[in-house]
Amino acid sequence: MKCQRQILKVKWHQFVRNEEITAITGLSSMCEIISRRCNAVFWHIARLNEDVPAHQTLYAHVDLSLGRPPDSSWKRLPGRPRCRWIDQIRKDNDMPPADLRRRAVRRGHGASLRPRLATC
């Protein structure tokens, strides 16, 4: 938003909402851009072959989001963030990652995918 405000020469003491700035400039907010790119990475990895390490890692993340740890002794290390990348994907799409993964695999690489964006 800072760059968009500089383009419009809006000073810090002027009370102009971010939504108004975005509407005037016609540019997407950074939150929307980041969300769109995270979703694109998720959809791409979900459609990879099952022997690719990135696909295997995504599958493990989906299992964790469903409450299935890799083994019985697994637990999160102290001090690690509570919100993971897969949690953000769930929040952005209002859908469980397992359903999103199934949907991506069903569509394959040829389909044009435009996941719905969430607002910050």
PDB file of N, CA and C in Angstrom:
ATOM      1  N   MET A   1       0.827  -1.198   0.000  1.00  0.00           N
ATOM      2  CA  MET A   1       0.000   0.000   0.000  1.00  0.00           C
ATOM      3  C   MET A   1       0.866   1.254   0.000  1.00  0.00           C
ATOM      4  N   LYS A   2       2.075   1.151   0.555  1.00  0.00           N
ATOM      5  CA  LYS A   2       2.927   2.323   0.639  1.00  0.00           C
ATOM      6  C   LYS A   2       3.241   2.864  -0.752  1.00  0.00           C
ATOM      7  N   CYS A   3       3.567   1.973  -1.688  1.00  0.00           N
ATOM      8  CA  CYS A   3       3.893   2.407  -3.049  1.00  0.00           C
ATOM      9  C   CYS A   3       2.680   3.039  -3.724  1.00  0.00           C
ATOM     10  N   GLN A   4       1.517   2.437  -3.529  1.00  0.00           N
ATOM     11  CA  GLN A   4       0.309   2.987  -4.130  1.00  0.00           C
ATOM     12  C   GLN A   4      -0.005   4.362  -3.547  1.00  0.00           C
ATOM     13  N   ARG A   5       0.239   4.514  -2.259  1.00  0.00           N
ATOM     14  CA  ARG A   5       0.023   5.820  -1.635  1.00  0.00           C
ATOM     15  C   ARG A   5       1.003   6.855  -2.174  1.00  0.00           C
ATOM     16  N   GLN A   6       2.242   6.443  -2.445  1.00  0.00           N
ATOM     17  CA  GLN A   6       3.225   7.358  -3.010  1.00  0.00           C
ATOM     18  C   GLN A   6       2.837   7.775  -4.419  1.00  0.00           C
ATOM     19  N   ILE A   7       2.300   6.852  -5.190  1.00  0.00           N
ATOM     20  CA  ILE A   7       1.858   7.161  -6.551  1.00  0.00           C
ATOM     21  C   ILE A   7       0.779   8.243  -6.519  1.00  0.00           C
ATOM     22  N   LEU A   8      -0.149   8.125  -5.565  1.00  0.00           N
ATOM     23  CA  LEU A   8      -1.257   9.083  -5.457  1.00  0.00           C
ATOM     24  C   LEU A   8      -0.904  10.310  -4.624  1.00  0.00           C
ATOM     25  N   LYS A   9       0.300  10.334  -4.070  1.00  0.00           N
ATOM     26  CA  LYS A   9       0.773  11.436  -3.209  1.00  0.00           C
ATOM     27  C   LYS A   9      -0.152  11.650  -2.017  1.00  0.00           C
ATOM     28  N   VAL A  10      -0.537  10.534  -1.386  1.00  0.00           N
ATOM     29  CA  VAL A  10      -1.355  10.594  -0.175  1.00  0.00           C
ATOM     30  C   VAL A  10      -0.401  10.592   1.009  1.00  0.00           C
ATOM     31  N   LYS A  11      -0.498  11.583   1.862  1.00  0.00           N
ATOM     32  CA  LYS A  11       0.387  11.704   3.028  1.00  0.00           C
ATOM     33  C   LYS A  11      -0.086  10.817   4.167  1.00  0.00           C
ATOM     34  N   TRP A  12       0.808  10.553   5.122  1.00  0.00           N
ATOM     35  CA  TRP A  12       0.494   9.651   6.233  1.00  0.00           C
ATOM     36  C   TRP A  12      -0.602  10.203   7.132  1.00  0.00           C
ATOM     37  N   HIS A  13      -0.737  11.505   7.208  1.00  0.00           N
ATOM     38  CA  HIS A  13      -1.726  12.101   8.121  1.00  0.00           C
ATOM     39  C   HIS A  13      -3.108  12.230   7.488  1.00  0.00           C
ATOM     40  N   GLN A  14      -3.227  11.936   6.191  1.00  0.00           N
ATOM     41  CA  GLN A  14      -4.528  11.956   5.539  1.00  0.00           C
ATOM     42  C   GLN A  14      -5.222  10.622   5.805  1.00  0.00           C
ATOM     43  N   PHE A  15      -6.486  10.676   6.140  1.00  0.00           N
ATOM     44  CA  PHE A  15      -7.235   9.469   6.464  1.00  0.00           C
ATOM     45  C   PHE A  15      -7.908   8.920   5.207  1.00  0.00           C
ATOM     46  N   VAL A  16      -7.158   8.085   4.493  1.00  0.00           N
ATOM     47  CA  VAL A  16      -7.678   7.444   3.283  1.00  0.00           C
ATOM     48  C   VAL A  16      -7.535   5.946   3.480  1.00  0.00           C
ATOM     49  N   ARG A  17      -8.628   5.217   3.360  1.00  0.00           N
ATOM     50  CA  ARG A  17      -8.607   3.765   3.579  1.00  0.00           C
ATOM     51  C   ARG A  17      -7.850   3.056   2.451  1.00  0.00           C
ATOM     52  N   ASN A  18      -7.274   1.906   2.811  1.00  0.00           N
ATOM     53  CA  ASN A  18      -6.547   1.105   1.831  1.00  0.00           C
ATOM     54  C   ASN A  18      -7.446   0.659   0.690  1.00  0.00           C
ATOM     55  N   GLU A  19      -8.725   0.375   0.986  1.00  0.00           N
ATOM     56  CA  GLU A  19      -9.665  -0.044  -0.046  1.00  0.00           C
ATOM     57  C   GLU A  19      -9.865   1.064  -1.078  1.00  0.00           C
ATOM     58  N   GLU A  20      -9.889   2.307  -0.608  1.00  0.00           N
ATOM     59  CA  GLU A  20     -10.056   3.434  -1.523  1.00  0.00           C
ATOM     60  C   GLU A  20      -8.837   3.586  -2.416  1.00  0.00           C
ATOM     61  N   ILE A  21      -7.648   3.427  -1.831  1.00  0.00           N
ATOM     62  CA  ILE A  21      -6.404   3.520  -2.598  1.00  0.00           C
ATOM     63  C   ILE A  21      -6.384   2.448  -3.687  1.00  0.00           C
ATOM     64  N   THR A  22      -6.745   1.220  -3.307  1.00  0.00           N
ATOM     65  CA  THR A  22      -6.750   0.108  -4.260  1.00  0.00           C
ATOM     66  C   THR A  22      -7.759   0.361  -5.372  1.00  0.00           C
ATOM     67  N   ALA A  23      -8.928   0.900  -5.036  1.00  0.00           N
ATOM     68  CA  ALA A  23      -9.955   1.177  -6.047  1.00  0.00           C
ATOM     69  C   ALA A  23      -9.490   2.260  -7.017  1.00  0.00           C
ATOM     70  N   ILE A  24      -8.809   3.259  -6.509  1.00  0.00           N
ATOM     71  CA  ILE A  24      -8.354   4.363  -7.361  1.00  0.00           C
ATOM     72  C   ILE A  24      -7.242   3.902  -8.303  1.00  0.00           C
ATOM     73  N   THR A  25      -6.257   3.173  -7.767  1.00  0.00           N
ATOM     74  CA  THR A  25      -5.120   2.754  -8.595  1.00  0.00           C
ATOM     75  C   THR A  25      -5.458   1.590  -9.505  1.00  0.00           C
ATOM     76  N   GLY A  26      -6.425   0.769  -9.095  1.00  0.00           N
ATOM     77  CA  GLY A  26      -6.772  -0.400  -9.893  1.00  0.00           C
ATOM     78  C   GLY A  26      -5.768  -1.536  -9.749  1.00  0.00           C
ATOM     79  N   LEU A  27      -4.824  -1.401  -8.826  1.00  0.00           N
ATOM     80  CA  LEU A  27      -3.830  -2.442  -8.591  1.00  0.00           C
ATOM     81  C   LEU A  27      -4.293  -3.368  -7.479  1.00  0.00           C
ATOM     82  N   SER A  28      -3.816  -4.595  -7.497  1.00  0.00           N
ATOM     83  CA  SER A  28      -4.142  -5.547  -6.432  1.00  0.00           C
ATOM     84  C   SER A  28      -3.341  -5.207  -5.181  1.00  0.00           C
ATOM     85  N   SER A  29      -3.905  -5.550  -4.027  1.00  0.00           N
ATOM     86  CA  SER A  29      -3.155  -5.355  -2.791  1.00  0.00           C
ATOM     87  C   SER A  29      -2.104  -6.446  -2.678  1.00  0.00           C
ATOM     88  N   MET A  30      -1.088  -6.217  -1.871  1.00  0.00           N
ATOM     89  CA  MET A  30      -0.020  -7.201  -1.693  1.00  0.00           C
ATOM     90  C   MET A  30      -0.575  -8.501  -1.121  1.00  0.00           C
ATOM     91  N   CYS A  31      -1.571  -8.392  -0.254  1.00  0.00           N
ATOM     92  CA  CYS A  31      -2.178  -9.575   0.335  1.00  0.00           C
ATOM     93  C   CYS A  31      -2.785 -10.470  -0.741  1.00  0.00           C
ATOM     94  N   GLU A  32      -3.460  -9.884  -1.710  1.00  0.00           N
ATOM     95  CA  GLU A  32      -4.056 -10.649  -2.802  1.00  0.00           C
ATOM     96  C   GLU A  32      -2.993 -11.275  -3.690  1.00  0.00           C
ATOM     97  N   ILE A  33      -1.923 -10.548  -3.957  1.00  0.00           N
ATOM     98  CA  ILE A  33      -0.848 -11.068  -4.800  1.00  0.00           C
ATOM     99  C   ILE A  33      -0.177 -12.255  -4.130  1.00  0.00           C
ATOM    100  N   ILE A  34       0.123 -12.128  -2.841  1.00  0.00           N
ATOM    101  CA  ILE A  34       0.765 -13.220  -2.110  1.00  0.00           C
ATOM    102  C   ILE A  34      -0.158 -14.431  -2.049  1.00  0.00           C
ATOM    103  N   SER A  35      -1.427 -14.209  -1.780  1.00  0.00           N
ATOM    104  CA  SER A  35      -2.389 -15.300  -1.722  1.00  0.00           C
ATOM    105  C   SER A  35      -2.494 -16.012  -3.063  1.00  0.00           C
ATOM    106  N   ARG A  36      -2.547 -15.256  -4.153  1.00  0.00           N
ATOM    107  CA  ARG A  36      -2.642 -15.836  -5.489  1.00  0.00           C
ATOM    108  C   ARG A  36      -1.412 -16.686  -5.799  1.00  0.00           C
ATOM    109  N   ARG A  37      -0.234 -16.197  -5.431  1.00  0.00           N
ATOM    110  CA  ARG A  37       1.002 -16.943  -5.718  1.00  0.00           C
ATOM    111  C   ARG A  37       1.125 -18.190  -4.855  1.00  0.00           C
ATOM    112  N   CYS A  38       0.724 -18.112  -3.586  1.00  0.00           N
ATOM    113  CA  CYS A  38       0.745 -19.306  -2.722  1.00  0.00           C
ATOM    114  C   CYS A  38      -0.195 -20.374  -3.263  1.00  0.00           C
ATOM    115  N   ASN A  39      -1.369 -19.955  -3.703  1.00  0.00           N
ATOM    116  CA  ASN A  39      -2.325 -20.905  -4.281  1.00  0.00           C
ATOM    117  C   ASN A  39      -1.774 -21.521  -5.560  1.00  0.00           C
ATOM    118  N   ALA A  40      -1.102 -20.729  -6.364  1.00  0.00           N
ATOM    119  CA  ALA A  40      -0.538 -21.247  -7.612  1.00  0.00           C
ATOM    120  C   ALA A  40       0.518 -22.315  -7.325  1.00  0.00           C
ATOM    121  N   VAL A  41       1.350 -22.072  -6.316  1.00  0.00           N
ATOM    122  CA  VAL A  41       2.368 -23.066  -5.949  1.00  0.00           C
ATOM    123  C   VAL A  41       1.694 -24.339  -5.442  1.00  0.00           C
ATOM    124  N   PHE A  42       0.674 -24.192  -4.612  1.00  0.00           N
ATOM    125  CA  PHE A  42      -0.043 -25.356  -4.088  1.00  0.00           C
ATOM    126  C   PHE A  42      -0.611 -26.192  -5.228  1.00  0.00           C
ATOM    127  N   TRP A  43      -1.320 -25.552  -6.159  1.00  0.00           N
ATOM    128  CA  TRP A  43      -1.960 -26.269  -7.261  1.00  0.00           C
ATOM    129  C   TRP A  43      -0.907 -26.945  -8.138  1.00  0.00           C
ATOM    130  N   HIS A  44       0.209 -26.261  -8.366  1.00  0.00           N
ATOM    131  CA  HIS A  44       1.267 -26.845  -9.193  1.00  0.00           C
ATOM    132  C   HIS A  44       1.857 -28.094  -8.536  1.00  0.00           C
ATOM    133  N   ILE A  45       2.181 -28.006  -7.254  1.00  0.00           N
ATOM    134  CA  ILE A  45       2.788 -29.139  -6.545  1.00  0.00           C
ATOM    135  C   ILE A  45       1.798 -30.298  -6.439  1.00  0.00           C
ATOM    136  N   ALA A  46       0.532 -29.995  -6.245  1.00  0.00           N
ATOM    137  CA  ALA A  46      -0.473 -31.052  -6.115  1.00  0.00           C
ATOM    138  C   ALA A  46      -0.607 -31.860  -7.403  1.00  0.00           C
ATOM    139  N   ARG A  47      -0.331 -31.244  -8.547  1.00  0.00           N
ATOM    140  CA  ARG A  47      -0.470 -31.936  -9.825  1.00  0.00           C
ATOM    141  C   ARG A  47       0.799 -32.645 -10.278  1.00  0.00           C
ATOM    142  N   LEU A  48       1.901 -32.523  -9.534  1.00  0.00           N
ATOM    143  CA  LEU A  48       3.144 -33.203  -9.906  1.00  0.00           C
ATOM    144  C   LEU A  48       3.001 -34.713  -9.732  1.00  0.00           C
ATOM    145  N   ASN A  49       3.912 -35.452 -10.340  1.00  0.00           N
ATOM    146  CA  ASN A  49       3.929 -36.906 -10.171  1.00  0.00           C
ATOM    147  C   ASN A  49       4.184 -37.268  -8.715  1.00  0.00           C
ATOM    148  N   GLU A  50       3.687 -38.417  -8.307  1.00  0.00           N
ATOM    149  CA  GLU A  50       3.783 -38.823  -6.903  1.00  0.00           C
ATOM    150  C   GLU A  50       5.205 -39.128  -6.462  1.00  0.00           C
ATOM    151  N   ASP A  51       6.124 -39.371  -7.376  1.00  0.00           N
ATOM    152  CA  ASP A  51       7.503 -39.679  -6.982  1.00  0.00           C
ATOM    153  C   ASP A  51       8.359 -38.431  -6.791  1.00  0.00           C
ATOM    154  N   VAL A  52       7.822 -37.241  -7.071  1.00  0.00           N
ATOM    155  CA  VAL A  52       8.549 -35.986  -6.886  1.00  0.00           C
ATOM    156  C   VAL A  52       8.542 -35.625  -5.400  1.00  0.00           C
ATOM    157  N   PRO A  53       9.719 -35.279  -4.828  1.00  0.00           N
ATOM    158  CA  PRO A  53       9.777 -34.965  -3.387  1.00  0.00           C
ATOM    159  C   PRO A  53       8.838 -33.849  -2.947  1.00  0.00           C
ATOM    160  N   ALA A  54       8.643 -32.834  -3.782  1.00  0.00           N
ATOM    161  CA  ALA A  54       7.744 -31.736  -3.407  1.00  0.00           C
ATOM    162  C   ALA A  54       6.314 -32.248  -3.245  1.00  0.00           C
ATOM    163  N   HIS A  55       5.885 -33.146  -4.121  1.00  0.00           N
ATOM    164  CA  HIS A  55       4.544 -33.723  -4.020  1.00  0.00           C
ATOM    165  C   HIS A  55       4.418 -34.565  -2.750  1.00  0.00           C
ATOM    166  N   GLN A  56       5.444 -35.334  -2.422  1.00  0.00           N
ATOM    167  CA  GLN A  56       5.429 -36.155  -1.215  1.00  0.00           C
ATOM    168  C   GLN A  56       5.356 -35.280   0.037  1.00  0.00           C
ATOM    169  N   THR A  57       6.067 -34.163   0.021  1.00  0.00           N
ATOM    170  CA  THR A  57       6.032 -33.233   1.155  1.00  0.00           C
ATOM    171  C   THR A  57       4.646 -32.621   1.309  1.00  0.00           C
ATOM    172  N   LEU A  58       4.037 -32.228   0.195  1.00  0.00           N
ATOM    173  CA  LEU A  58       2.675 -31.679   0.249  1.00  0.00           C
ATOM    174  C   LEU A  58       1.710 -32.714   0.803  1.00  0.00           C
ATOM    175  N   TYR A  59       1.842 -33.951   0.371  1.00  0.00           N
ATOM    176  CA  TYR A  59       0.975 -35.019   0.853  1.00  0.00           C
ATOM    177  C   TYR A  59       1.140 -35.174   2.368  1.00  0.00           C
ATOM    178  N   ALA A  60       2.393 -35.073   2.873  1.00  0.00           N
ATOM    179  CA  ALA A  60       2.637 -35.162   4.316  1.00  0.00           C
ATOM    180  C   ALA A  60       1.993 -33.987   5.047  1.00  0.00           C
ATOM    181  N   HIS A  61       2.048 -32.780   4.449  1.00  0.00           N
ATOM    182  CA  HIS A  61       1.411 -31.604   5.055  1.00  0.00           C
ATOM    183  C   HIS A  61      -0.102 -31.780   5.121  1.00  0.00           C
ATOM    184  N   VAL A  62      -0.680 -32.318   4.062  1.00  0.00           N
ATOM    185  CA  VAL A  62      -2.127 -32.546   4.039  1.00  0.00           C
ATOM    186  C   VAL A  62      -2.499 -33.553   5.127  1.00  0.00           C
ATOM    187  N   ASP A  63      -1.691 -34.608   5.270  1.00  0.00           N
ATOM    188  CA  ASP A  63      -1.941 -35.581   6.335  1.00  0.00           C
ATOM    189  C   ASP A  63      -1.867 -34.922   7.707  1.00  0.00           C
ATOM    190  N   LEU A  64      -0.880 -34.046   7.914  1.00  0.00           N
ATOM    191  CA  LEU A  64      -0.773 -33.342   9.195  1.00  0.00           C
ATOM    192  C   LEU A  64      -1.988 -32.463   9.446  1.00  0.00           C
ATOM    193  N   SER A  65      -2.483 -31.810   8.386  1.00  0.00           N
ATOM    194  CA  SER A  65      -3.653 -30.947   8.572  1.00  0.00           C
ATOM    195  C   SER A  65      -4.892 -31.758   8.926  1.00  0.00           C
ATOM    196  N   LEU A  66      -4.888 -33.043   8.551  1.00  0.00           N
ATOM    197  CA  LEU A  66      -6.001 -33.925   8.906  1.00  0.00           C
ATOM    198  C   LEU A  66      -5.789 -34.595  10.262  1.00  0.00           C
ATOM    199  N   GLY A  67      -4.663 -34.293  10.919  1.00  0.00           N
ATOM    200  CA  GLY A  67      -4.393 -34.853  12.236  1.00  0.00           C
ATOM    201  C   GLY A  67      -3.676 -36.189  12.201  1.00  0.00           C
ATOM    202  N   ARG A  68      -3.041 -36.502  11.067  1.00  0.00           N
ATOM    203  CA  ARG A  68      -2.294 -37.756  10.957  1.00  0.00           C
ATOM    204  C   ARG A  68      -0.796 -37.458  10.934  1.00  0.00           C
ATOM    205  N   PRO A  69      -0.105 -37.535  12.091  1.00  0.00           N
ATOM    206  CA  PRO A  69       1.341 -37.284  12.117  1.00  0.00           C
ATOM    207  C   PRO A  69       2.103 -38.398  11.407  1.00  0.00           C
ATOM    208  N   PRO A  70       3.356 -38.134  10.976  1.00  0.00           N
ATOM    209  CA  PRO A  70       4.143 -39.129  10.261  1.00  0.00           C
ATOM    210  C   PRO A  70       4.377 -40.407  11.072  1.00  0.00           C
ATOM    211  N   ASP A  71       4.612 -40.271  12.367  1.00  0.00           N
ATOM    212  CA  ASP A  71       4.712 -41.442  13.234  1.00  0.00           C
ATOM    213  C   ASP A  71       4.237 -41.062  14.630  1.00  0.00           C
ATOM    214  N   SER A  72       4.148 -42.030  15.513  1.00  0.00           N
ATOM    215  CA  SER A  72       3.546 -41.786  16.828  1.00  0.00           C
ATOM    216  C   SER A  72       4.397 -40.884  17.721  1.00  0.00           C
ATOM    217  N   SER A  73       5.698 -40.781  17.464  1.00  0.00           N
ATOM    218  CA  SER A  73       6.565 -39.966  18.321  1.00  0.00           C
ATOM    219  C   SER A  73       6.694 -38.522  17.826  1.00  0.00           C
ATOM    220  N   TRP A  74       6.050 -38.193  16.713  1.00  0.00           N
ATOM    221  CA  TRP A  74       6.214 -36.868  16.128  1.00  0.00           C
ATOM    222  C   TRP A  74       5.476 -35.819  16.928  1.00  0.00           C
ATOM    223  N   LYS A  75       6.129 -34.666  17.117  1.00  0.00           N
ATOM    224  CA  LYS A  75       5.467 -33.486  17.672  1.00  0.00           C
ATOM    225  C   LYS A  75       6.218 -32.248  17.213  1.00  0.00           C
ATOM    226  N   ARG A  76       5.563 -31.133  17.255  1.00  0.00           N
ATOM    227  CA  ARG A  76       6.164 -29.876  16.815  1.00  0.00           C
ATOM    228  C   ARG A  76       7.262 -29.458  17.789  1.00  0.00           C
ATOM    229  N   LEU A  77       8.379 -28.967  17.247  1.00  0.00           N
ATOM    230  CA  LEU A  77       9.470 -28.508  18.095  1.00  0.00           C
ATOM    231  C   LEU A  77       9.065 -27.238  18.836  1.00  0.00           C
ATOM    232  N   PRO A  78       9.610 -27.018  20.035  1.00  0.00           N
ATOM    233  CA  PRO A  78       9.270 -25.795  20.766  1.00  0.00           C
ATOM    234  C   PRO A  78       9.716 -24.554  19.988  1.00  0.00           C
ATOM    235  N   GLY A  79       8.884 -23.532  20.019  1.00  0.00           N
ATOM    236  CA  GLY A  79       9.215 -22.275  19.366  1.00  0.00           C
ATOM    237  C   GLY A  79       8.876 -22.227  17.889  1.00  0.00           C
ATOM    238  N   ARG A  80       8.372 -23.291  17.318  1.00  0.00           N
ATOM    239  CA  ARG A  80       8.022 -23.286  15.908  1.00  0.00           C
ATOM    240  C   ARG A  80       6.682 -22.576  15.706  1.00  0.00           C
ATOM    241  N   PRO A  81       6.500 -21.930  14.559  1.00  0.00           N
ATOM    242  CA  PRO A  81       5.251 -21.207  14.333  1.00  0.00           C
ATOM    243  C   PRO A  81       4.041 -22.127  14.308  1.00  0.00           C
ATOM    244  N   ARG A  82       2.945 -21.650  14.817  1.00  0.00           N
ATOM    245  CA  ARG A  82       1.710 -22.434  14.849  1.00  0.00           C
ATOM    246  C   ARG A  82       1.021 -22.441  13.491  1.00  0.00           C
ATOM    247  N   CYS A  83       1.101 -21.339  12.761  1.00  0.00           N
ATOM    248  CA  CYS A  83       0.452 -21.257  11.460  1.00  0.00           C
ATOM    249  C   CYS A  83       1.448 -21.689  10.391  1.00  0.00           C
ATOM    250  N   ARG A  84       1.078 -22.716   9.643  1.00  0.00           N
ATOM    251  CA  ARG A  84       1.930 -23.239   8.588  1.00  0.00           C
ATOM    252  C   ARG A  84       1.412 -22.776   7.236  1.00  0.00           C
ATOM    253  N   TRP A  85       2.193 -23.031   6.208  1.00  0.00           N
ATOM    254  CA  TRP A  85       1.820 -22.662   4.866  1.00  0.00           C
ATOM    255  C   TRP A  85       0.495 -23.314   4.484  1.00  0.00           C
ATOM    256  N   ILE A  86       0.316 -24.551   4.842  1.00  0.00           N
ATOM    257  CA  ILE A  86      -0.906 -25.279   4.503  1.00  0.00           C
ATOM    258  C   ILE A  86      -2.122 -24.682   5.226  1.00  0.00           C
ATOM    259  N   ASP A  87      -1.898 -24.137   6.437  1.00  0.00           N
ATOM    260  CA  ASP A  87      -2.979 -23.468   7.164  1.00  0.00           C
ATOM    261  C   ASP A  87      -3.418 -22.198   6.431  1.00  0.00           C
ATOM    262  N   GLN A  88      -2.452 -21.482   5.852  1.00  0.00           N
ATOM    263  CA  GLN A  88      -2.775 -20.275   5.094  1.00  0.00           C
ATOM    264  C   GLN A  88      -3.555 -20.621   3.829  1.00  0.00           C
ATOM    265  N   ILE A  89      -3.194 -21.728   3.176  1.00  0.00           N
ATOM    266  CA  ILE A  89      -3.922 -22.180   1.989  1.00  0.00           C
ATOM    267  C   ILE A  89      -5.378 -22.480   2.369  1.00  0.00           C
ATOM    268  N   ARG A  90      -5.560 -23.149   3.513  1.00  0.00           N
ATOM    269  CA  ARG A  90      -6.918 -23.465   3.978  1.00  0.00           C
ATOM    270  C   ARG A  90      -7.710 -22.179   4.233  1.00  0.00           C
ATOM    271  N   LYS A  91      -7.077 -21.206   4.862  1.00  0.00           N
ATOM    272  CA  LYS A  91      -7.749 -19.945   5.183  1.00  0.00           C
ATOM    273  C   LYS A  91      -8.111 -19.171   3.908  1.00  0.00           C
ATOM    274  N   ASP A  92      -7.209 -19.170   2.926  1.00  0.00           N
ATOM    275  CA  ASP A  92      -7.447 -18.415   1.694  1.00  0.00           C
ATOM    276  C   ASP A  92      -8.566 -19.009   0.851  1.00  0.00           C
ATOM    277  N   ASN A  93      -8.756 -20.327   0.914  1.00  0.00           N
ATOM    278  CA  ASN A  93      -9.708 -20.987   0.026  1.00  0.00           C
ATOM    279  C   ASN A  93     -10.976 -21.457   0.722  1.00  0.00           C
ATOM    280  N   ASP A  94     -11.072 -21.349   2.024  1.00  0.00           N
ATOM    281  CA  ASP A  94     -12.234 -21.810   2.784  1.00  0.00           C
ATOM    282  C   ASP A  94     -12.552 -23.277   2.485  1.00  0.00           C
ATOM    283  N   MET A  95     -11.507 -24.078   2.324  1.00  0.00           N
ATOM    284  CA  MET A  95     -11.653 -25.487   2.000  1.00  0.00           C
ATOM    285  C   MET A  95     -10.513 -26.259   2.640  1.00  0.00           C
ATOM    286  N   PRO A  96     -10.755 -27.487   3.072  1.00  0.00           N
ATOM    287  CA  PRO A  96      -9.651 -28.287   3.608  1.00  0.00           C
ATOM    288  C   PRO A  96      -8.616 -28.585   2.522  1.00  0.00           C
ATOM    289  N   PRO A  97      -7.328 -28.600   2.871  1.00  0.00           N
ATOM    290  CA  PRO A  97      -6.284 -28.858   1.881  1.00  0.00           C
ATOM    291  C   PRO A  97      -6.442 -30.203   1.186  1.00  0.00           C
ATOM    292  N   ALA A  98      -6.979 -31.207   1.872  1.00  0.00           N
ATOM    293  CA  ALA A  98      -7.165 -32.510   1.242  1.00  0.00           C
ATOM    294  C   ALA A  98      -8.137 -32.400   0.067  1.00  0.00           C
ATOM    295  N   ASP A  99      -9.211 -31.623   0.233  1.00  0.00           N
ATOM    296  CA  ASP A  99     -10.177 -31.429  -0.856  1.00  0.00           C
ATOM    297  C   ASP A  99      -9.549 -30.639  -2.004  1.00  0.00           C
ATOM    298  N   LEU A 100      -8.755 -29.614  -1.660  1.00  0.00           N
ATOM    299  CA  LEU A 100      -8.084 -28.832  -2.690  1.00  0.00           C
ATOM    300  C   LEU A 100      -7.113 -29.700  -3.482  1.00  0.00           C
ATOM    301  N   ARG A 101      -6.401 -30.567  -2.779  1.00  0.00           N
ATOM    302  CA  ARG A 101      -5.437 -31.456  -3.435  1.00  0.00           C
ATOM    303  C   ARG A 101      -6.160 -32.408  -4.393  1.00  0.00           C
ATOM    304  N   ARG A 102      -7.251 -32.999  -3.927  1.00  0.00           N
ATOM    305  CA  ARG A 102      -8.026 -33.901  -4.779  1.00  0.00           C
ATOM    306  C   ARG A 102      -8.537 -33.179  -6.025  1.00  0.00           C
ATOM    307  N   ARG A 103      -9.002 -31.954  -5.825  1.00  0.00           N
ATOM    308  CA  ARG A 103      -9.513 -31.156  -6.934  1.00  0.00           C
ATOM    309  C   ARG A 103      -8.420 -30.859  -7.959  1.00  0.00           C
ATOM    310  N   ALA A 104      -7.224 -30.524  -7.456  1.00  0.00           N
ATOM    311  CA  ALA A 104      -6.106 -30.209  -8.341  1.00  0.00           C
ATOM    312  C   ALA A 104      -5.671 -31.435  -9.132  1.00  0.00           C
ATOM    313  N   VAL A 105      -5.616 -32.581  -8.464  1.00  0.00           N
ATOM    314  CA  VAL A 105      -5.209 -33.817  -9.141  1.00  0.00           C
ATOM    315  C   VAL A 105      -6.234 -34.202 -10.197  1.00  0.00           C
ATOM    316  N   ARG A 106      -7.504 -34.019  -9.898  1.00  0.00           N
ATOM    317  CA  ARG A 106      -8.567 -34.351 -10.838  1.00  0.00           C
ATOM    318  C   ARG A 106      -8.502 -33.474 -12.088  1.00  0.00           C
ATOM    319  N   ARG A 107      -8.160 -32.208 -11.925  1.00  0.00           N
ATOM    320  CA  ARG A 107      -8.131 -31.282 -13.058  1.00  0.00           C
ATOM    321  C   ARG A 107      -6.925 -31.503 -13.963  1.00  0.00           C
ATOM    322  N   GLY A 108      -5.794 -31.880 -13.397  1.00  0.00           N
ATOM    323  CA  GLY A 108      -4.596 -32.107 -14.202  1.00  0.00           C
ATOM    324  C   GLY A 108      -3.908 -30.816 -14.593  1.00  0.00           C
ATOM    325  N   HIS A 109      -2.893 -30.924 -15.435  1.00  0.00           N
ATOM    326  CA  HIS A 109      -2.079 -29.766 -15.817  1.00  0.00           C
ATOM    327  C   HIS A 109      -2.699 -28.903 -16.898  1.00  0.00           C
ATOM    328  N   GLY A 110      -3.620 -29.434 -17.668  1.00  0.00           N
ATOM    329  CA  GLY A 110      -4.149 -28.692 -18.811  1.00  0.00           C
ATOM    330  C   GLY A 110      -5.186 -27.655 -18.467  1.00  0.00           C
ATOM    331  N   ALA A 111      -5.815 -27.749 -17.310  1.00  0.00           N
ATOM    332  CA  ALA A 111      -6.927 -26.849 -16.969  1.00  0.00           C
ATOM    333  C   ALA A 111      -6.420 -25.485 -16.539  1.00  0.00           C
ATOM    334  N   SER A 112      -7.196 -24.492 -16.805  1.00  0.00           N
ATOM    335  CA  SER A 112      -6.901 -23.145 -16.335  1.00  0.00           C
ATOM    336  C   SER A 112      -7.468 -23.009 -14.932  1.00  0.00           C
ATOM    337  N   LEU A 113      -6.584 -22.757 -13.970  1.00  0.00           N
ATOM    338  CA  LEU A 113      -7.023 -22.701 -12.574  1.00  0.00           C
ATOM    339  C   LEU A 113      -6.949 -21.279 -12.051  1.00  0.00           C
ATOM    340  N   ARG A 114      -8.036 -20.791 -11.570  1.00  0.00           N
ATOM    341  CA  ARG A 114      -8.090 -19.494 -10.926  1.00  0.00           C
ATOM    342  C   ARG A 114      -8.750 -19.667  -9.573  1.00  0.00           C
ATOM    343  N   PRO A 115      -7.973 -20.020  -8.503  1.00  0.00           N
ATOM    344  CA  PRO A 115      -8.590 -20.198  -7.192  1.00  0.00           C
ATOM    345  C   PRO A 115      -9.155 -18.880  -6.682  1.00  0.00           C
ATOM    346  N   ARG A 116     -10.208 -18.979  -5.923  1.00  0.00           N
ATOM    347  CA  ARG A 116     -10.853 -17.804  -5.336  1.00  0.00           C
ATOM    348  C   ARG A 116      -9.925 -17.189  -4.301  1.00  0.00           C
ATOM    349  N   LEU A 117      -9.812 -15.868  -4.306  1.00  0.00           N
ATOM    350  CA  LEU A 117      -8.932 -15.182  -3.376  1.00  0.00           C
ATOM    351  C   LEU A 117      -9.698 -14.740  -2.136  1.00  0.00           C
ATOM    352  N   ALA A 118      -9.017 -14.791  -1.027  1.00  0.00           N
ATOM    353  CA  ALA A 118      -9.591 -14.314   0.225  1.00  0.00           C
ATOM    354  C   ALA A 118      -9.030 -12.934   0.502  1.00  0.00           C
ATOM    355  N   THR A 119      -9.744 -12.137   1.261  1.00  0.00           N
ATOM    356  CA  THR A 119      -9.241 -10.816   1.636  1.00  0.00           C
ATOM    357  C   THR A 119      -8.531 -10.935   2.973  1.00  0.00           C
ATOM    358  N   CYS A 120      -7.590 -10.057   3.170  1.00  0.00           N
ATOM    359  CA  CYS A 120      -6.812 -10.075   4.419  1.00  0.00           C
ATOM    360  C   CYS A 120      -7.550  -9.438   5.543  1.00  0.00           C
TER     361      CYS A 120
END
